[in-house]
N, C-alpha and C. Protein backbone atom coordinates (compact mmCIF):
# COMPACT_ATOMS: atom_id res chain seq x y z
N MET A 1 -11.87 -1.06 32.81
CA MET A 1 -11.14 0.30 32.12
C MET A 1 -10.33 1.03 32.84
N THR A 2 -8.91 1.83 32.00
CA THR A 2 -8.26 2.72 33.31
C THR A 2 -7.99 3.48 32.99
N THR A 3 -8.85 4.91 32.86
CA THR A 3 -8.85 5.60 32.40
C THR A 3 -7.44 6.59 32.25
N ASP A 4 -6.97 6.58 32.87
CA ASP A 4 -5.68 7.48 32.91
C ASP A 4 -4.99 7.06 32.08
N LEU A 5 -4.86 5.57 31.60
CA LEU A 5 -4.14 4.75 30.51
C LEU A 5 -4.06 5.71 29.60
N LEU A 6 -5.41 6.24 29.38
CA LEU A 6 -6.38 6.72 28.29
C LEU A 6 -5.07 7.84 27.58
N LEU A 7 -4.95 8.78 28.92
CA LEU A 7 -3.92 9.90 28.59
C LEU A 7 -2.29 9.53 28.02
N ARG A 8 -1.76 10.21 27.09
CA ARG A 8 -0.59 9.93 27.12
C ARG A 8 0.37 10.72 28.13
N PRO A 9 1.41 10.13 28.00
CA PRO A 9 2.54 10.63 29.43
C PRO A 9 2.26 11.37 28.64
N ALA A 10 3.01 12.58 29.75
CA ALA A 10 4.24 13.71 29.22
C ALA A 10 5.26 13.63 28.54
N ARG A 11 6.30 12.98 29.10
CA ARG A 11 6.94 12.01 28.89
C ARG A 11 7.11 11.45 27.60
N ALA A 12 6.86 11.57 26.32
CA ALA A 12 6.41 10.25 25.60
C ALA A 12 6.80 10.84 24.40
N THR A 13 7.49 9.86 23.34
CA THR A 13 7.75 10.37 22.01
C THR A 13 7.56 9.47 20.78
N VAL A 14 6.41 9.32 19.75
CA VAL A 14 6.39 8.21 18.77
C VAL A 14 7.54 8.27 17.89
N LEU A 15 7.69 7.06 17.87
CA LEU A 15 8.62 6.40 17.16
C LEU A 15 7.96 5.73 15.97
N ARG A 16 6.81 5.14 15.66
CA ARG A 16 6.72 4.93 14.66
C ARG A 16 5.17 4.95 14.36
N GLN A 17 4.92 5.28 12.90
CA GLN A 17 2.92 5.39 13.25
C GLN A 17 2.87 4.17 11.25
N HIS A 18 1.88 3.37 11.36
CA HIS A 18 0.94 2.92 10.54
C HIS A 18 -0.24 3.55 10.25
N GLN A 19 -1.26 3.01 9.33
CA GLN A 19 -2.79 3.00 8.84
C GLN A 19 -3.17 2.01 7.88
N THR A 20 -4.31 1.98 7.90
CA THR A 20 -4.74 1.06 6.60
C THR A 20 -6.15 1.64 6.86
N VAL A 21 -6.85 1.29 6.05
CA VAL A 21 -8.60 0.95 5.84
C VAL A 21 -8.83 -0.42 5.52
N ILE A 22 -10.37 -0.52 6.63
CA ILE A 22 -11.09 -1.44 6.31
C ILE A 22 -12.42 -1.50 5.76
N ALA A 23 -12.95 -2.38 5.42
CA ALA A 23 -14.51 -2.56 4.89
C ALA A 23 -14.66 -2.76 5.36
N ALA A 24 -15.81 -2.10 6.68
CA ALA A 24 -16.21 -2.31 7.60
C ALA A 24 -16.89 -1.38 8.46
N THR A 25 -17.66 -1.21 9.19
CA THR A 25 -18.36 -0.21 9.86
C THR A 25 -17.02 -0.12 10.88
N PRO A 26 -17.07 1.97 11.60
CA PRO A 26 -15.83 1.86 12.48
C PRO A 26 -16.56 0.82 14.17
N ALA A 27 -18.04 0.71 14.46
CA ALA A 27 -18.00 -0.34 15.09
C ALA A 27 -17.70 -1.66 15.63
N ALA A 28 -17.80 -2.16 14.49
CA ALA A 28 -17.39 -3.75 14.23
C ALA A 28 -15.44 -3.69 14.16
N VAL A 29 -14.94 -2.70 13.65
CA VAL A 29 -13.73 -2.59 13.81
C VAL A 29 -13.01 -2.59 15.12
N PHE A 30 -13.97 -1.49 15.56
CA PHE A 30 -13.49 -1.23 16.97
C PHE A 30 -13.38 -2.51 17.98
N ALA A 31 -14.80 -2.65 17.94
CA ALA A 31 -14.77 -3.80 18.92
C ALA A 31 -13.78 -5.28 18.45
N ALA A 32 -13.60 -5.69 17.36
CA ALA A 32 -12.50 -6.87 16.24
C ALA A 32 -11.37 -6.12 17.32
N LEU A 33 -10.73 -4.87 16.54
CA LEU A 33 -9.46 -4.70 16.95
C LEU A 33 -9.22 -4.91 18.61
N SER A 34 -10.06 -4.50 19.66
CA SER A 34 -9.78 -4.53 20.75
C SER A 34 -10.01 -6.00 21.43
N ALA A 35 -10.45 -6.61 20.96
CA ALA A 35 -10.66 -7.56 21.39
C ALA A 35 -8.77 -8.43 21.06
N ALA A 36 -8.38 -8.41 19.28
CA ALA A 36 -6.83 -8.63 18.73
C ALA A 36 -6.28 -8.24 19.21
N VAL A 37 -6.12 -6.92 20.08
CA VAL A 37 -5.04 -6.62 21.28
C VAL A 37 -4.80 -6.50 22.81
N ASP A 38 -6.01 -7.29 22.69
CA ASP A 38 -6.02 -7.08 24.46
C ASP A 38 -5.14 -7.97 25.12
N PRO A 39 -3.59 -7.61 25.47
CA PRO A 39 -2.78 -8.66 25.85
C PRO A 39 -2.72 -9.64 27.28
N GLY A 40 -4.46 -9.14 28.02
CA GLY A 40 -4.91 -9.64 29.27
C GLY A 40 -4.42 -9.09 30.72
N PRO A 41 -4.06 -9.62 31.41
CA PRO A 41 -3.69 -8.50 32.50
C PRO A 41 -2.13 -8.19 33.05
N GLU A 42 -1.43 -8.81 31.36
CA GLU A 42 0.25 -8.87 32.43
C GLU A 42 0.32 -7.28 31.98
N SER A 43 -0.31 -6.64 31.23
CA SER A 43 0.18 -5.46 31.08
C SER A 43 -1.02 -4.40 30.46
N GLY A 44 -1.12 -2.64 30.01
CA GLY A 44 -2.46 -2.14 30.53
C GLY A 44 -2.58 -2.20 29.35
N PHE A 45 -3.87 -1.82 29.63
CA PHE A 45 -5.13 -1.89 28.24
C PHE A 45 -6.26 -0.95 28.94
N ALA A 46 -6.21 0.19 28.08
CA ALA A 46 -7.54 0.77 27.86
C ALA A 46 -8.58 1.16 26.52
N THR A 47 -9.51 1.04 26.82
CA THR A 47 -10.33 1.86 25.74
C THR A 47 -11.61 2.71 25.84
N ASP A 48 -12.13 3.48 24.56
CA ASP A 48 -12.60 4.47 24.57
C ASP A 48 -13.71 5.00 23.26
N GLU A 49 -14.14 3.93 23.18
CA GLU A 49 -15.07 3.67 21.88
C GLU A 49 -14.94 5.47 21.23
N PRO A 50 -16.31 6.30 21.95
CA PRO A 50 -16.61 7.46 21.51
C PRO A 50 -15.19 8.39 20.82
N THR A 51 -13.71 7.63 21.15
CA THR A 51 -13.03 8.54 20.47
C THR A 51 -12.52 7.67 19.83
N GLY A 52 -12.50 6.31 19.67
CA GLY A 52 -12.09 5.26 18.76
C GLY A 52 -10.41 5.36 19.20
N LEU A 53 -10.30 5.64 20.57
CA LEU A 53 -9.05 5.11 21.06
C LEU A 53 -8.71 3.47 21.75
N ILE A 54 -7.62 3.29 21.74
CA ILE A 54 -7.61 1.52 22.52
C ILE A 54 -5.79 1.98 23.03
N VAL A 55 -5.42 1.29 24.01
CA VAL A 55 -4.16 1.90 24.76
C VAL A 55 -3.56 0.98 25.00
N VAL A 56 -2.22 0.44 24.54
CA VAL A 56 -1.98 -0.77 24.91
C VAL A 56 -0.54 -0.58 25.83
N GLN A 57 -0.52 -0.73 27.03
CA GLN A 57 1.45 -0.49 27.78
C GLN A 57 1.72 -0.86 28.16
N GLY A 58 2.85 -1.82 28.00
CA GLY A 58 3.43 -2.46 28.96
C GLY A 58 5.10 -2.40 29.26
N GLY A 59 5.46 -3.54 29.57
CA GLY A 59 6.91 -2.97 29.82
C GLY A 59 7.29 -1.37 30.47
N TRP A 60 8.55 -1.12 30.40
CA TRP A 60 9.02 0.46 31.16
C TRP A 60 8.98 1.40 29.77
N TRP A 61 9.01 0.98 28.77
CA TRP A 61 9.24 1.66 27.39
C TRP A 61 7.97 1.99 26.33
N TYR A 62 6.95 0.93 25.99
CA TYR A 62 6.09 0.56 25.24
C TYR A 62 4.42 1.25 25.79
N ARG A 63 4.12 1.70 24.30
CA ARG A 63 2.91 2.52 24.49
C ARG A 63 2.25 1.83 22.88
N ALA A 64 1.39 1.14 22.52
CA ALA A 64 0.44 1.31 21.18
C ALA A 64 -0.66 2.06 21.51
N GLU A 65 -0.96 3.07 20.05
CA GLU A 65 -1.88 3.65 20.57
C GLU A 65 -2.43 3.41 19.25
N TYR A 66 -4.10 2.75 19.27
CA TYR A 66 -4.64 2.37 18.16
C TYR A 66 -6.18 3.42 17.96
N ARG A 67 -6.14 4.20 16.85
CA ARG A 67 -7.23 4.51 16.64
C ARG A 67 -7.78 4.48 15.67
N VAL A 68 -9.00 4.19 15.64
CA VAL A 68 -10.35 4.07 15.04
C VAL A 68 -11.32 5.32 14.13
N GLY A 69 -11.61 5.44 13.50
CA GLY A 69 -12.55 6.50 12.30
C GLY A 69 -13.20 6.15 11.35
N PRO A 70 -14.08 6.80 10.70
CA PRO A 70 -15.00 6.97 9.88
C PRO A 70 -13.77 7.15 8.30
N ASP A 71 -14.07 6.06 7.72
CA ASP A 71 -13.40 7.20 6.56
C ASP A 71 -14.54 6.28 5.14
N GLU A 72 -14.27 6.81 4.16
CA GLU A 72 -15.13 6.97 2.58
C GLU A 72 -15.03 5.30 2.63
N ALA A 73 -14.41 4.50 2.28
CA ALA A 73 -14.18 2.81 2.52
C ALA A 73 -14.48 2.41 3.37
N GLY A 74 -14.97 2.49 4.53
CA GLY A 74 -15.10 1.97 5.61
C GLY A 74 -14.60 2.65 6.75
N THR A 75 -13.26 2.23 7.01
CA THR A 75 -12.93 2.15 8.49
C THR A 75 -11.30 3.07 8.59
N ARG A 76 -10.88 4.22 9.34
CA ARG A 76 -9.69 3.86 8.80
C ARG A 76 -9.06 3.69 10.30
N VAL A 77 -7.45 2.86 10.53
CA VAL A 77 -7.01 2.27 11.61
C VAL A 77 -5.65 2.46 11.68
N GLY A 78 -5.40 2.95 12.83
CA GLY A 78 -3.83 3.42 12.74
C GLY A 78 -3.51 3.21 14.33
N VAL A 79 -1.65 2.59 14.00
CA VAL A 79 -1.09 2.54 15.37
C VAL A 79 -0.31 3.51 15.60
N THR A 80 -0.19 4.19 16.65
CA THR A 80 1.26 4.85 16.84
C THR A 80 1.83 4.22 18.34
N ILE A 81 3.16 3.97 17.86
CA ILE A 81 4.11 3.04 18.83
C ILE A 81 5.22 4.08 19.32
N VAL A 82 4.78 4.57 20.64
CA VAL A 82 5.25 5.14 21.50
C VAL A 82 6.11 4.97 22.49
N ASN A 83 7.59 5.62 22.68
CA ASN A 83 8.26 5.23 24.01
C ASN A 83 8.15 6.37 24.93
N VAL A 84 7.72 5.52 26.15
CA VAL A 84 7.11 5.92 27.50
C VAL A 84 8.00 6.12 28.57
N ALA A 85 9.57 5.64 28.22
CA ALA A 85 10.29 5.80 29.20
C ALA A 85 10.66 6.35 30.05
N THR A 86 10.52 6.20 31.57
CA THR A 86 10.93 7.14 32.38
C THR A 86 11.95 6.64 33.47
N PRO A 87 12.69 6.55 34.34
CA PRO A 87 14.01 7.48 33.84
C PRO A 87 14.45 6.62 32.53
N ALA A 88 15.32 7.23 32.06
CA ALA A 88 16.29 6.32 30.25
C ALA A 88 15.53 6.72 29.21
N HIS A 89 14.70 7.53 29.51
CA HIS A 89 14.14 7.83 27.83
C HIS A 89 14.64 7.55 26.78
N TRP A 90 16.04 7.85 26.82
CA TRP A 90 16.68 7.74 25.61
C TRP A 90 16.71 6.38 25.34
N ALA A 91 16.69 5.67 26.42
CA ALA A 91 17.21 3.69 26.23
C ALA A 91 16.04 2.92 25.44
N GLY A 92 14.63 3.71 25.50
CA GLY A 92 13.63 2.88 24.93
C GLY A 92 13.81 2.29 23.70
N PRO A 93 14.32 3.38 22.54
CA PRO A 93 14.35 2.99 21.47
C PRO A 93 15.40 1.92 21.24
N ILE A 94 16.08 2.43 21.90
CA ILE A 94 17.66 1.04 21.39
C ILE A 94 16.92 -0.55 22.11
N ALA A 95 15.99 -0.47 23.81
CA ALA A 95 15.34 -1.94 24.22
C ALA A 95 14.86 -2.57 22.97
N GLY A 96 14.17 -1.53 22.89
CA GLY A 96 12.64 -1.75 21.84
C GLY A 96 12.82 -2.33 20.26
N ARG A 97 14.15 -1.81 19.49
CA ARG A 97 14.59 -1.96 18.85
C ARG A 97 13.71 -3.19 17.41
N ALA A 98 14.01 -4.15 18.22
CA ALA A 98 13.07 -5.49 17.20
C ALA A 98 11.95 -4.68 17.32
N GLU A 99 10.96 -4.99 18.25
CA GLU A 99 9.72 -4.21 18.06
C GLU A 99 9.48 -3.35 17.24
N ILE A 100 10.07 -2.13 16.99
CA ILE A 100 10.29 -1.07 16.42
C ILE A 100 10.34 -1.64 15.08
N ARG A 101 11.21 -2.48 14.74
CA ARG A 101 11.43 -2.54 13.33
C ARG A 101 10.47 -3.87 12.49
N SER A 102 9.68 -4.29 13.72
CA SER A 102 8.86 -5.63 13.29
C SER A 102 6.97 -4.05 13.38
N SER A 103 7.21 -3.74 13.32
CA SER A 103 6.01 -2.87 13.82
C SER A 103 5.11 -2.67 12.91
N ALA A 104 5.83 -2.73 11.43
CA ALA A 104 4.74 -3.07 10.56
C ALA A 104 4.21 -3.93 10.12
N ARG A 105 5.15 -5.30 10.40
CA ARG A 105 4.70 -6.85 10.25
C ARG A 105 3.69 -6.72 11.48
N HIS A 106 3.96 -6.60 12.51
CA HIS A 106 2.61 -6.53 13.05
C HIS A 106 2.08 -6.05 13.27
N PHE A 107 1.69 -4.33 12.99
CA PHE A 107 0.43 -4.04 12.29
C PHE A 107 -0.31 -4.76 10.92
N GLY A 108 0.42 -5.14 10.45
CA GLY A 108 -0.52 -6.43 9.17
C GLY A 108 -0.85 -7.57 9.53
N ASP A 109 -0.02 -7.69 11.01
CA ASP A 109 -1.22 -9.39 11.21
C ASP A 109 -1.59 -8.96 12.13
N VAL A 110 -2.39 -7.74 13.28
CA VAL A 110 -3.49 -7.45 13.53
C VAL A 110 -4.74 -7.28 12.49
N VAL A 111 -3.87 -6.30 11.54
CA VAL A 111 -5.38 -5.91 10.94
C VAL A 111 -6.05 -7.26 9.79
N ASP A 112 -4.96 -8.42 9.21
CA ASP A 112 -5.81 -8.97 9.03
C ASP A 112 -6.26 -10.47 10.32
N ARG A 113 -6.10 -10.13 11.28
CA ARG A 113 -6.54 -11.18 12.63
C ARG A 113 -8.16 -10.26 12.51
N VAL A 114 -8.11 -8.57 12.22
CA VAL A 114 -9.46 -7.99 12.25
C VAL A 114 -10.43 -8.60 11.27
N ARG A 115 -9.95 -7.93 10.21
CA ARG A 115 -10.36 -8.27 9.06
C ARG A 115 -11.47 -9.94 8.70
N GLY A 116 -10.56 -11.00 9.73
CA GLY A 116 -10.75 -12.33 9.33
C GLY A 116 -11.82 -12.45 10.81
N SER A 117 -12.52 -11.91 11.30
CA SER A 117 -12.94 -12.00 12.37
C SER A 117 -14.78 -11.23 11.81
N LEU A 118 -14.21 -10.30 11.33
CA LEU A 118 -14.93 -9.55 10.59
C LEU A 118 -16.41 -10.24 9.65
């Protein structure tokens, strides 16, 4: 795990956020979500189970921060898509417009994989 990756860079802009609730324990959801979003060695990946944070960072602009925490109905799961491009920070949302537009669908697919693995 790269602990430096857990810290959001100073030059960062939140582009999209999505969340839902999964009827399972936070520990089980965290483990399943970590497995579902781990991109392998080609991208940055870090987890911090005590804080419920999972970070996937790849390319020159893309960062996804997944958060897992308790909820009355089980576990609240959220994702924040962040532009971390430096330089040309302004170009991140332009280059990533397809990923940004499809982020809700992609998050839904990840949630479905997590639910299916529990």
